[in-house]
């Protein structure tokens, strides 16, 4: 009997497959160094705070200062990533973090750091990384093909957690031997490789044929898309809950090392390293977990395992047992976060990928930031052990959320459909002309009325997440077979964007709705410029007539050009 060939991690479905692509590999290696520096700084900042104050709130606020910017500016950051060249956005954001890290190192060298200054500069570093995150994550799909995107997401998690495995331990040694200032300086230096790699990346920028949206409108578009996408909303809510509860581990880790294990900076670094080692193990097995378990089953298993791990940390007084519990906690934490991340990346089309990933970042980081403050406050009142046991109990019952908010199934990436030609018009329009009203008339057999109405509920979400508002469906009381779909777009440019944002799945949905149409006449589409009283500003000689356009039922453009 011949031996079966060993399956390589570089195979098409292996976790290391994305490393075969040069751009991704270089950015990944540089990001590993950057993550290493960030973790080294985190150790220095947290330990420096414990030396400046005994207030548990202040210690926990170090984590909040680093993570809160992600929640506060993630949506503008995502909009900027979608509107501008993601490479340039990444370079600017890294420069912001580098300036914060450099200032922290210099002020520490001169002995000018106070608790408030430390928190403020951690906030600056966190702000740069909050701006960097959406641009970096949404550009991953430009660096690797769609079939290895889940592995690329897992590898990015591995990058952070390899750094977490060694960074805290290295940071503990650096802090113990050279002080926190050396940790801050190391972080500043380790930003440089990523800056260089990003600068040298020859990204192919494909400018849109339409003018880019303004920032405020782009943010509204992102919020609207997420609000009308039930799968993404469910993933974000589950992510927020996981961050709120599970953030206790990272927030209270310095106090676990100091108060429960009676150790120093090196003990703290080793405990964080154990968590990071577990996270690497979890990320390496993400592909296998996705094959064996559904998304909901995997998230439930992670939550239950995390609950027992947190309880183990709370009750243990032996470093070895605490480290073992942290390895388990790190593995299941990484698995859960990677599952949430993959769910968002594969559900969002490219035009809103940055904003969707920004919302994911806001959910996980906002949950951790708010949870860190809450767990720090509870620790001041009841102690570290009680706070961790409360977190463990909440984590154990959190899978019950799945009864109402079940994780959606995740398939391949939902790619954009082919672009459509602009509709013919005979009225003089500018990009800001509007609002635009669109009416589509369907004739549907009465026995198919309920099925048609059900499909149109999905069409409503499709129209609204791509830019429409005021959507309605009406049935003629004199001719029950006649149905009229109606919606608005703010301007002519918004309408042109809306009709070309449809994904392939949405295009198929529109075709299903059109398939209900019967009779010899084609579907009729009216596009009209709404002119409220008092806003008419045309010259007397300018023609002013709405155009009614008849499109054939069989044409794919008709189903999605509305």
Protein backbone atom coordinates (compact mmCIF):
# COMPACT_ATOMS: atom_id res chain seq x y z
CA UNK A 1 0.00 0.00 0.00
CA UNK A 2 1.46 3.34 -1.00
CA UNK A 3 1.69 6.24 1.40
CA UNK A 4 -0.73 9.10 0.88
CA UNK A 5 1.06 12.33 -0.09
CA UNK A 6 1.18 14.90 2.65
CA UNK A 7 -1.03 17.89 2.09
CA UNK A 8 0.98 21.10 1.88
CA UNK A 9 -0.12 24.24 3.69
CA UNK A 10 0.78 26.02 0.45
CA UNK A 11 -1.86 24.04 -1.47
CA UNK A 12 -4.71 25.99 -3.05
CA UNK A 13 -6.86 25.53 0.07
CA UNK A 14 -3.98 25.62 2.57
CA UNK A 15 -3.76 28.38 5.11
CA UNK A 16 -0.41 29.56 3.68
CA UNK A 17 -1.57 29.64 0.04
CA UNK A 18 -1.77 33.48 -0.08
CA UNK A 19 1.97 33.68 0.64
CA UNK A 20 2.59 32.49 -2.93
CA UNK A 21 1.58 35.99 -4.07
CA UNK A 22 4.50 38.42 -3.80
CA UNK A 23 2.66 41.61 -2.87
CA UNK A 24 0.66 39.92 -0.13
CA UNK A 25 3.76 38.14 1.18
CA UNK A 26 5.81 41.33 1.48
CA UNK A 27 3.02 43.29 3.14
CA UNK A 28 2.27 40.37 5.45
CA UNK A 29 5.87 40.07 6.63
CA UNK A 30 6.15 43.83 7.18
CA UNK A 31 2.84 43.87 9.05
CA UNK A 32 4.18 41.09 11.28
CA UNK A 33 7.01 43.39 12.35
CA UNK A 34 4.59 46.28 12.83
CA UNK A 35 2.32 44.12 14.97
CA UNK A 36 5.33 43.00 16.96
CA UNK A 37 6.20 46.65 17.70
CA UNK A 38 2.60 47.46 18.62
CA UNK A 39 2.50 44.58 21.12
CA UNK A 40 5.84 45.59 22.59
CA UNK A 41 4.49 49.12 23.07
CA UNK A 42 1.32 47.71 24.62
CA UNK A 43 3.35 45.91 27.26
CA UNK A 44 5.38 49.04 27.94
CA UNK A 45 2.30 51.26 28.19
CA UNK A 46 0.34 48.92 30.44
CA UNK A 47 3.26 48.28 32.75
CA UNK A 48 4.23 51.95 32.83
CA UNK A 49 0.67 52.75 33.93
CA UNK A 50 0.84 50.19 36.76
CA UNK A 51 4.01 51.92 37.95
CA UNK A 52 2.43 55.38 37.84
CA UNK A 53 -0.89 54.51 39.52
CA UNK A 54 -2.67 51.72 41.42
CA UNK A 55 -6.03 52.68 39.91
CA UNK A 56 -7.42 49.66 37.99
CA UNK A 57 -9.53 52.02 35.89
CA UNK A 58 -6.39 53.75 34.58
CA UNK A 59 -4.70 50.43 33.81
CA UNK A 60 -7.73 49.18 31.86
CA UNK A 61 -8.00 52.53 30.05
CA UNK A 62 -4.69 51.83 28.28
CA UNK A 63 -6.50 49.16 26.31
CA UNK A 64 -9.45 51.50 25.81
CA UNK A 65 -7.19 54.30 24.51
CA UNK A 66 -5.72 51.98 21.89
CA UNK A 67 -9.06 50.49 20.80
CA UNK A 68 -11.57 53.33 21.19
CA UNK A 69 -10.37 55.23 18.06
CA UNK A 70 -11.35 52.23 15.97
CA UNK A 71 -14.92 52.56 17.18
CA UNK A 72 -15.00 56.36 16.83
CA UNK A 73 -13.42 56.86 13.39
CA UNK A 74 -13.76 53.47 11.74
CA UNK A 75 -16.68 54.44 9.50
CA UNK A 76 -15.02 57.64 8.20
CA UNK A 77 -11.85 55.57 7.78
CA UNK A 78 -13.75 52.97 5.78
CA UNK A 79 -15.34 55.65 3.61
CA UNK A 80 -11.93 57.20 2.95
CA UNK A 81 -10.54 53.77 2.03
CA UNK A 82 -13.39 53.25 -0.47
CA UNK A 83 -13.12 56.76 -1.94
CA UNK A 84 -9.35 57.17 -2.29
CA UNK A 85 -6.31 55.14 -3.25
CA UNK A 86 -6.01 52.60 -0.42
CA UNK A 87 -2.22 52.60 -0.66
CA UNK A 88 -2.05 56.36 -0.01
CA UNK A 89 -4.54 56.06 2.85
CA UNK A 90 -2.38 53.32 4.40
CA UNK A 91 0.77 55.45 4.14
CA UNK A 92 -0.86 58.47 5.80
CA UNK A 93 -2.31 56.37 8.62
CA UNK A 94 1.02 54.68 9.30
CA UNK A 95 2.68 58.11 9.45
CA UNK A 96 0.16 59.17 12.13
CA UNK A 97 0.91 56.10 14.25
CA UNK A 98 4.64 56.59 13.78
CA UNK A 99 4.40 60.19 14.98
CA UNK A 100 2.49 59.12 18.10
CA UNK A 101 4.95 56.33 18.90
CA UNK A 102 7.93 58.64 18.35
CA UNK A 103 6.46 61.34 20.60
CA UNK A 104 5.78 58.75 23.32
CA UNK A 105 9.38 57.51 23.15
CA UNK A 106 10.84 61.03 23.29
CA UNK A 107 8.65 62.20 26.18
CA UNK A 108 9.45 59.01 28.10
CA UNK A 109 13.16 59.58 27.52
CA UNK A 110 12.88 63.02 29.10
CA UNK A 111 10.66 61.74 31.93
CA UNK A 112 7.66 63.86 30.95
CA UNK A 113 5.04 61.12 30.63
CA UNK A 114 2.05 61.26 32.98
CA UNK A 115 -0.95 58.87 33.01
CA UNK A 116 -3.00 61.31 30.93
CA UNK A 117 -0.22 61.92 28.39
CA UNK A 118 0.32 58.17 28.10
CA UNK A 119 -3.40 57.63 27.37
CA UNK A 120 -3.46 60.53 24.89
CA UNK A 121 -0.51 59.25 22.86
CA UNK A 122 -1.87 55.71 22.93
CA UNK A 123 -5.03 57.25 21.47
CA UNK A 124 -2.96 58.86 18.67
CA UNK A 125 -1.31 55.53 17.84
CA UNK A 126 -4.70 53.84 17.94
CA UNK A 127 -6.16 56.51 15.65
CA UNK A 128 -3.51 55.86 13.01
CA UNK A 129 -4.15 52.12 13.16
CA UNK A 130 -7.91 52.72 13.02
CA UNK A 131 -7.42 54.63 9.76
CA UNK A 132 -5.01 51.97 8.47
CA UNK A 133 -7.21 48.95 9.19
CA UNK A 134 -10.00 49.36 6.60
CA UNK A 135 -7.57 50.39 3.84
CA UNK A 136 -5.33 47.41 4.53
CA UNK A 137 -8.03 44.79 5.01
CA UNK A 138 -10.12 45.87 2.02
CA UNK A 139 -7.02 45.81 -0.21
CA UNK A 140 -6.35 42.14 0.61
CA UNK A 141 -8.86 41.15 -2.09
CA UNK A 142 -6.66 43.09 -4.57
CA UNK A 143 -3.56 41.15 -3.52
CA UNK A 144 -4.91 37.58 -3.73
CA UNK A 145 -7.63 35.83 -5.77
CA UNK A 146 -11.06 35.23 -4.23
CA UNK A 147 -10.53 31.50 -3.66
CA UNK A 148 -7.73 32.11 -1.14
CA UNK A 149 -9.26 35.18 0.51
CA UNK A 150 -10.42 33.27 3.64
CA UNK A 151 -6.88 31.97 4.10
CA UNK A 152 -5.53 35.51 3.65
CA UNK A 153 -7.89 36.75 6.37
CA UNK A 154 -6.69 33.95 8.65
CA UNK A 155 -3.05 34.76 7.86
CA UNK A 156 -3.55 38.38 8.82
CA UNK A 157 -4.89 37.14 12.13
CA UNK A 158 -1.89 34.83 12.44
CA UNK A 159 0.42 37.80 11.82
CA UNK A 160 -1.02 39.65 14.77
CA UNK A 161 -1.00 36.60 16.99
CA UNK A 162 2.52 35.49 16.11
CA UNK A 163 3.45 38.96 17.28
CA UNK A 164 1.26 38.44 20.33
CA UNK A 165 3.05 35.15 21.04
CA UNK A 166 6.51 36.71 21.08
CA UNK A 167 5.92 40.46 21.33
CA UNK A 168 4.71 40.56 24.94
CA UNK A 169 7.52 38.30 26.10
CA UNK A 170 10.05 40.43 24.22
CA UNK A 171 8.32 43.53 25.55
CA UNK A 172 8.53 42.19 29.08
CA UNK A 173 12.25 41.60 28.71
CA UNK A 174 12.77 45.05 27.16
CA UNK A 175 10.76 46.79 29.89
CA UNK A 176 12.51 44.84 32.64
CA UNK A 177 16.00 45.58 31.29
CA UNK A 178 15.75 48.98 29.59
CA UNK A 179 12.45 50.48 30.73
CA UNK A 180 9.25 51.44 28.95
CA UNK A 181 11.03 54.05 26.82
CA UNK A 182 12.88 51.28 24.96
CA UNK A 183 9.56 49.54 24.22
CA UNK A 184 8.13 52.77 22.78
CA UNK A 185 11.24 53.33 20.63
CA UNK A 186 11.13 49.74 19.33
CA UNK A 187 7.54 50.26 18.21
CA UNK A 188 8.47 53.42 16.30
CA UNK A 189 11.32 51.65 14.49
CA UNK A 190 9.19 48.63 13.55
CA UNK A 191 6.68 50.82 11.70
CA UNK A 192 9.34 51.63 9.09
CA UNK A 193 9.34 48.31 7.13
CA UNK A 194 5.59 48.50 6.57
CA UNK A 195 5.86 52.12 5.45
CA UNK A 196 8.55 51.14 2.92
CA UNK A 197 6.63 48.13 1.57
CA UNK A 198 3.45 50.15 1.17
CA UNK A 199 5.37 52.93 -0.57
CA UNK A 200 6.88 50.44 -3.05
CA UNK A 201 3.58 48.64 -3.79
CA UNK A 202 2.66 49.41 -7.41
CA UNK A 203 -1.08 49.23 -6.90
CA UNK A 204 -3.28 49.46 -9.98
CA UNK A 205 -5.81 52.14 -9.16
CA UNK A 206 -8.98 51.97 -11.24
CA UNK A 207 -10.71 55.35 -10.98
CA UNK A 208 -14.48 55.38 -11.11
CA UNK A 209 -16.11 56.87 -14.19
CA UNK A 210 -18.36 58.81 -11.79
CA UNK A 211 -17.16 61.53 -9.40
CA UNK A 212 -16.40 60.20 -5.92
CA UNK A 213 -18.92 60.76 -3.17
CA UNK A 214 -18.38 63.37 -0.52
CA UNK A 215 -17.20 61.97 2.79
CA UNK A 216 -20.46 62.56 4.64
CA UNK A 217 -22.49 60.99 1.82
CA UNK A 218 -20.07 58.06 1.63
CA UNK A 219 -20.50 57.44 5.36
CA UNK A 220 -24.29 57.55 4.95
CA UNK A 221 -24.02 55.11 2.03
CA UNK A 222 -22.01 52.70 4.15
CA UNK A 223 -24.39 52.89 7.10
CA UNK A 224 -27.35 52.46 4.76
CA UNK A 225 -25.79 49.42 3.10
CA UNK A 226 -25.09 47.72 6.42
CA UNK A 227 -28.53 48.63 7.78
CA UNK A 228 -30.20 46.93 4.82
CA UNK A 229 -27.96 43.84 4.85
CA UNK A 230 -29.33 41.39 7.46
CA UNK A 231 -26.34 38.97 7.25
CA UNK A 232 -23.81 41.73 7.95
CA UNK A 233 -25.95 43.18 10.76
CA UNK A 234 -26.12 39.80 12.49
CA UNK A 235 -22.36 39.26 12.23
CA UNK A 236 -21.66 42.76 13.61
CA UNK A 237 -24.00 42.31 16.57
CA UNK A 238 -22.47 38.94 17.44
CA UNK A 239 -19.01 40.51 17.11
CA UNK A 240 -19.95 43.37 19.46
CA UNK A 241 -21.26 40.98 22.12
CA UNK A 242 -18.13 38.82 21.89
CA UNK A 243 -15.91 41.90 22.28
CA UNK A 244 -17.88 43.26 25.24
CA UNK A 245 -17.64 40.01 27.17
CA UNK A 246 -14.30 38.62 26.01
CA UNK A 247 -12.45 41.93 26.36
CA UNK A 248 -11.97 41.14 30.06
CA UNK A 249 -8.94 38.96 29.29
CA UNK A 250 -6.85 41.60 27.52
CA UNK A 251 -8.01 44.45 29.78
CA UNK A 252 -7.25 42.70 33.08
CA UNK A 253 -4.15 40.76 32.03
CA UNK A 254 -1.70 43.13 33.82
CA UNK A 255 -3.72 42.73 37.02
CA UNK A 256 -3.86 38.95 36.57
CA UNK A 257 -0.05 38.92 36.40
CA UNK A 258 0.38 41.33 39.31
CA UNK A 259 -2.42 40.41 41.74
CA UNK A 260 -3.32 36.77 41.03
CA UNK A 261 0.09 35.41 40.01
CA UNK A 262 2.17 37.95 41.99
CA UNK A 263 4.54 38.37 39.04
CA UNK A 264 6.21 41.23 37.23
CA UNK A 265 6.56 42.51 33.69
CA UNK A 266 8.06 39.24 32.45
CA UNK A 267 5.15 37.23 33.86
CA UNK A 268 2.73 39.60 32.15
CA UNK A 269 4.59 39.20 28.86
CA UNK A 270 4.60 35.40 29.15
CA UNK A 271 0.86 35.31 29.85
CA UNK A 272 0.15 37.47 26.80
CA UNK A 273 2.49 35.24 24.81
CA UNK A 274 0.49 32.16 25.85
CA UNK A 275 -2.69 33.83 24.63
CA UNK A 276 -1.00 34.68 21.35
CA UNK A 277 0.33 31.15 20.87
CA UNK A 278 -3.19 29.83 21.28
CA UNK A 279 -4.45 32.37 18.74
CA UNK A 280 -1.87 31.19 16.18
CA UNK A 281 -3.01 27.61 16.72
CA UNK A 282 -6.62 28.68 16.24
CA UNK A 283 -5.86 30.59 13.04
CA UNK A 284 -3.93 27.65 11.57
CA UNK A 285 -7.05 25.51 11.97
CA UNK A 286 -9.63 27.98 10.67
CA UNK A 287 -9.99 26.18 7.31
CA UNK A 288 -10.57 22.83 9.00
CA UNK A 289 -13.12 24.32 11.41
CA UNK A 290 -15.04 25.92 8.52
CA UNK A 291 -15.16 22.56 6.74
CA UNK A 292 -16.41 20.60 9.75
CA UNK A 293 -18.80 23.06 11.43
CA UNK A 294 -21.38 25.58 10.33
CA UNK A 295 -20.73 29.21 11.25
CA UNK A 296 -23.26 29.11 14.10
CA UNK A 297 -21.95 25.84 15.56
CA UNK A 298 -18.35 27.09 15.40
CA UNK A 299 -19.17 30.41 17.11
CA UNK A 300 -21.13 28.62 19.86
CA UNK A 301 -18.26 26.19 20.48
CA UNK A 302 -15.81 29.11 20.67
CA UNK A 303 -17.98 31.01 23.16
CA UNK A 304 -18.40 28.02 25.48
CA UNK A 305 -14.70 27.17 25.36
CA UNK A 306 -13.83 30.83 25.99
CA UNK A 307 -16.10 30.89 29.04
CA UNK A 308 -14.35 27.90 30.63
CA UNK A 309 -10.94 29.35 29.78
CA UNK A 310 -11.72 32.71 31.43
CA UNK A 311 -12.98 30.86 34.53
CA UNK A 312 -9.69 28.93 34.61
CA UNK A 313 -7.71 32.18 34.52
CA UNK A 314 -9.82 33.59 37.36
CA UNK A 315 -9.39 30.58 39.65
CA UNK A 316 -5.75 29.67 38.93
CA UNK A 317 -2.87 30.85 41.06
CA UNK A 318 -0.23 28.86 39.19
CA UNK A 319 1.42 30.48 36.15
CA UNK A 320 1.50 27.16 34.25
CA UNK A 321 -2.24 26.56 34.69
CA UNK A 322 -3.05 30.17 33.83
CA UNK A 323 -0.91 29.96 30.70
CA UNK A 324 -2.69 26.74 29.65
CA UNK A 325 -6.09 28.41 30.08
CA UNK A 326 -4.86 31.40 28.08
CA UNK A 327 -3.71 29.15 25.22
CA UNK A 328 -7.26 27.80 24.97
CA UNK A 329 -8.73 31.30 25.29
CA UNK A 330 -6.45 32.63 22.56
CA UNK A 331 -7.29 29.78 20.16
CA UNK A 332 -11.07 30.15 20.41
CA UNK A 333 -10.93 33.96 20.47
CA UNK A 334 -8.97 33.96 17.22
CA UNK A 335 -11.33 31.45 15.64
CA UNK A 336 -14.41 33.51 16.55
CA UNK A 337 -12.94 36.81 15.34
CA UNK A 338 -11.72 35.22 12.09
CA UNK A 339 -15.16 33.69 11.46
CA UNK A 340 -16.78 37.10 11.95
CA UNK A 341 -14.20 38.80 9.72
CA UNK A 342 -14.60 36.27 6.90
CA UNK A 343 -18.38 36.62 7.14
CA UNK A 344 -18.16 40.37 6.58
CA UNK A 345 -15.48 40.24 3.84
CA UNK A 346 -17.35 37.69 1.75
CA UNK A 347 -20.74 39.38 2.18
CA UNK A 348 -19.76 42.93 1.17
CA UNK A 349 -19.18 43.98 -2.47
CA UNK A 350 -15.96 45.82 -3.30
CA UNK A 351 -17.50 49.30 -3.51
CA UNK A 352 -18.42 49.20 0.19
CA UNK A 353 -15.79 46.73 1.45
CA UNK A 354 -13.82 49.35 3.38
CA UNK A 355 -16.89 50.65 5.17
CA UNK A 356 -18.15 47.15 5.98
CA UNK A 357 -14.79 46.14 7.41
CA UNK A 358 -14.67 49.43 9.30
CA UNK A 359 -18.01 48.54 10.88
CA UNK A 360 -16.55 45.15 11.82
CA UNK A 361 -13.54 46.84 13.38
CA UNK A 362 -15.83 49.23 15.24
CA UNK A 363 -17.85 46.32 16.58
CA UNK A 364 -14.93 44.28 17.88
CA UNK A 365 -12.81 47.21 19.06
CA UNK A 366 -15.77 49.14 20.44
CA UNK A 367 -16.88 46.05 22.32
CA UNK A 368 -13.40 45.56 23.75
CA UNK A 369 -13.03 49.27 24.59
CA UNK A 370 -16.39 49.55 26.37
CA UNK A 371 -15.98 46.13 27.96
CA UNK A 372 -12.48 47.02 29.19
CA UNK A 373 -13.84 50.06 30.99
CA UNK A 374 -16.67 48.02 32.48
CA UNK A 375 -14.44 45.17 33.65
CA UNK A 376 -11.93 47.63 35.10
CA UNK A 377 -14.71 49.36 37.05
CA UNK A 378 -16.04 46.04 38.34
CA UNK A 379 -12.50 45.04 39.35
CA UNK A 380 -12.18 48.19 41.48
CA UNK A 381 -15.39 47.23 43.26
CA UNK A 382 -15.18 43.43 43.51
CA UNK A 383 -11.65 42.34 42.57
CA UNK A 384 -9.99 40.66 39.59
CA UNK A 385 -11.26 37.14 40.31
CA UNK A 386 -14.90 38.18 40.62
CA UNK A 387 -14.75 40.28 37.44
CA UNK A 388 -13.29 37.40 35.44
CA UNK A 389 -15.84 34.92 36.81
CA UNK A 390 -18.65 37.29 35.81
CA UNK A 391 -17.16 37.52 32.32
CA UNK A 392 -16.91 33.72 32.13
CA UNK A 393 -20.57 33.29 33.14
CA UNK A 394 -21.74 35.79 30.51
CA UNK A 395 -19.60 34.13 27.84
CA UNK A 396 -21.07 30.70 28.67
CA UNK A 397 -24.63 31.91 28.15
CA UNK A 398 -23.85 34.11 25.12
CA UNK A 399 -24.56 31.29 22.58
CA UNK A 400 -28.25 31.74 23.43
CA UNK A 401 -28.11 34.84 21.22
CA UNK A 402 -27.93 32.45 18.29
CA UNK A 403 -31.57 31.53 18.88
CA UNK A 404 -32.51 35.00 17.60
CA UNK A 405 -29.42 36.07 15.62
CA UNK A 406 -28.18 32.95 13.88
CA UNK A 407 -24.89 33.27 11.99
CA UNK A 408 -25.62 33.45 8.24
CA UNK A 409 -24.09 30.88 5.86
CA UNK A 410 -21.01 32.16 4.02
CA UNK A 411 -20.13 31.14 0.46
CA UNK A 412 -17.88 32.76 -2.12
CA UNK A 413 -17.38 36.49 -2.45
CA UNK A 414 -20.39 38.31 -3.89
CA UNK A 415 -18.82 39.94 -6.94
CA UNK A 416 -20.22 42.99 -8.68
CA UNK A 417 -22.33 42.48 -11.78
CA UNK A 418 -21.39 43.98 -15.13
CA UNK A 419 -21.66 47.75 -15.44
CA UNK A 420 -24.70 49.07 -17.25
CA UNK A 421 -24.88 51.82 -19.82
CA UNK A 422 -26.47 55.06 -18.68
CA UNK A 423 -30.17 55.33 -19.58
CA UNK A 424 -31.18 57.60 -22.44
CA UNK A 425 -32.57 60.98 -21.35
CA UNK A 426 -33.98 63.97 -23.19
CA UNK A 427 -34.07 66.39 -20.27
CA UNK A 428 -31.01 68.46 -19.47
CA UNK A 429 -29.57 67.10 -16.21
CA UNK A 430 -26.57 67.85 -14.02
CA UNK A 431 -25.04 65.48 -11.51
CA UNK A 432 -26.86 67.27 -8.68
CA UNK A 433 -30.28 67.22 -10.35
CA UNK A 434 -32.80 65.53 -8.11
CA UNK A 435 -34.49 63.96 -6.36
CA UNK A 436 -35.07 61.31 -9.00
CA UNK A 437 -38.18 59.13 -8.83
CA UNK A 438 -38.20 55.69 -10.44
CA UNK A 439 -41.41 53.75 -11.12
CA UNK A 440 -41.49 50.20 -12.50
CA UNK A 441 -44.78 48.62 -13.57
CA UNK A 442 -45.20 44.85 -13.41
CA UNK A 443 -48.20 42.82 -14.48
CA UNK A 444 -48.42 39.70 -12.30
CA UNK A 445 -50.94 36.86 -12.38
CA UNK A 446 -53.17 36.97 -9.30
CA UNK A 447 -52.26 33.44 -8.22
CA UNK A 448 -48.60 34.55 -8.06
CA UNK A 449 -49.29 37.70 -6.04
CA UNK A 450 -48.00 36.40 -2.71
CA UNK A 451 -44.82 34.91 -4.19
CA UNK A 452 -44.15 38.15 -6.11
CA UNK A 453 -44.67 40.24 -2.99
CA UNK A 454 -42.21 38.07 -1.04
CA UNK A 455 -39.53 38.50 -3.73
CA UNK A 456 -40.12 42.23 -3.76
CA UNK A 457 -39.30 42.44 -0.04
CA UNK A 458 -35.79 41.28 -0.92
CA UNK A 459 -35.74 43.68 -3.86
CA UNK A 460 -36.55 46.48 -1.40
CA UNK A 461 -33.44 45.70 0.66
CA UNK A 462 -31.36 45.52 -2.50
CA UNK A 463 -32.53 48.92 -3.75
CA UNK A 464 -32.12 50.59 -0.35
CA UNK A 465 -28.66 49.29 0.47
CA UNK A 466 -27.40 50.47 -2.93
CA UNK A 467 -28.70 54.03 -2.54
CA UNK A 468 -32.48 54.25 -2.90
CA UNK A 469 -34.92 55.59 -0.32
CA UNK A 470 -38.67 55.92 0.00
CA UNK A 471 -39.22 52.48 -1.54
CA UNK A 472 -42.78 51.21 -1.91
CA UNK A 473 -44.76 48.58 -3.78
CA UNK A 474 -48.41 49.28 -4.68
CA UNK A 475 -51.18 47.20 -6.25
CA UNK A 476 -53.84 48.75 -8.48
CA UNK A 477 -57.30 48.28 -6.95
CA UNK A 478 -59.01 48.46 -10.35
CA UNK A 479 -56.49 46.17 -12.08
CA UNK A 480 -55.23 43.71 -9.42
CA UNK A 481 -52.65 42.32 -11.83
CA UNK A 482 -50.89 45.71 -12.04
CA UNK A 483 -48.13 46.36 -9.48
CA UNK A 484 -45.97 49.51 -9.26
CA UNK A 485 -42.58 49.61 -7.59
CA UNK A 486 -41.49 53.14 -6.66
CA UNK A 487 -38.35 54.55 -5.07
CA UNK A 488 -36.26 57.74 -4.91
CA UNK A 489 -32.59 58.62 -5.33
CA UNK A 490 -31.25 61.93 -3.96
CA UNK A 491 -29.58 63.06 -7.22
CA UNK A 492 -28.92 61.93 -10.77
CA UNK A 493 -25.37 60.88 -9.82
CA UNK A 494 -26.70 58.88 -6.86
CA UNK A 495 -29.08 57.12 -9.23
CA UNK A 496 -26.27 56.23 -11.64
CA UNK A 497 -24.26 54.83 -8.72
CA UNK A 498 -27.24 52.91 -7.37
CA UNK A 499 -28.01 51.11 -10.62
CA UNK A 500 -24.41 49.92 -11.05
CA UNK A 501 -23.79 48.77 -7.49
CA UNK A 502 -25.81 45.57 -7.84
CA UNK A 503 -23.93 42.32 -7.27
CA UNK A 504 -24.48 39.21 -9.33
CA UNK A 505 -26.82 37.81 -6.68
CA UNK A 506 -28.82 41.04 -6.68
CA UNK A 507 -28.97 41.04 -10.46
CA UNK A 508 -30.40 37.51 -10.32
CA UNK A 509 -32.90 38.68 -7.70
CA UNK A 510 -34.09 41.47 -9.99
CA UNK A 511 -34.45 38.93 -12.78
CA UNK A 512 -36.59 36.71 -10.54
CA UNK A 513 -38.89 39.65 -9.89
CA UNK A 514 -39.13 40.38 -13.62
CA UNK A 515 -39.94 36.74 -14.37
CA UNK A 516 -43.36 37.22 -12.74
CA UNK A 517 -44.33 39.74 -15.44
CA UNK A 518 -46.99 38.49 -17.88
CA UNK A 519 -48.76 39.83 -20.92
CA UNK A 520 -47.69 41.07 -24.34
CA UNK A 521 -46.41 44.46 -23.13
CA UNK A 522 -42.91 44.81 -21.64
CA UNK A 523 -42.19 46.13 -18.19
CA UNK A 524 -42.45 49.92 -18.19
CA UNK A 525 -39.86 52.00 -16.32
CA UNK A 526 -40.36 55.69 -15.66
CA UNK A 527 -37.54 57.90 -14.44
CA UNK A 528 -38.79 61.32 -13.37
CA UNK A 529 -37.17 64.40 -11.90
CA UNK A 530 -39.13 65.42 -8.84
CA UNK A 531 -39.61 69.20 -8.65
CA UNK A 532 -41.22 70.33 -5.41
CA UNK A 533 -43.14 73.62 -5.43
CA UNK A 534 -40.78 76.60 -5.27
CA UNK A 535 -37.68 74.78 -6.54
CA UNK A 536 -38.27 75.14 -10.31
CA UNK A 537 -35.33 76.98 -11.89
CA UNK A 538 -35.36 76.36 -15.66
CA UNK A 539 -35.47 78.94 -18.41
CA UNK A 540 -38.64 79.48 -20.40
CA UNK A 541 -37.14 78.07 -23.60
CA UNK A 542 -35.71 74.93 -21.91
CA UNK A 543 -37.81 71.82 -22.59
CA UNK A 544 -39.02 70.12 -19.44
CA UNK A 545 -40.43 66.68 -20.00
CA UNK A 546 -39.88 63.40 -18.15
CA UNK A 547 -38.85 60.49 -20.29
CA UNK A 548 -40.73 57.20 -20.21
CA UNK A 549 -38.56 54.33 -21.36
CA UNK A 550 -39.84 50.88 -22.36
CA UNK A 551 -37.41 48.02 -21.80
CA UNK A 552 -37.88 44.40 -22.87
CA UNK A 553 -38.53 41.85 -20.13
CA UNK A 554 -35.80 39.51 -21.34
CA UNK A 555 -32.93 42.02 -21.19
CA UNK A 556 -30.72 41.63 -18.13
CA UNK A 557 -30.02 45.34 -18.12
CA UNK A 558 -33.70 46.09 -17.66
CA UNK A 559 -33.91 44.17 -14.45
CA UNK A 560 -31.10 46.07 -12.82
CA UNK A 561 -30.92 49.36 -14.66
CA UNK A 562 -33.79 50.70 -12.64
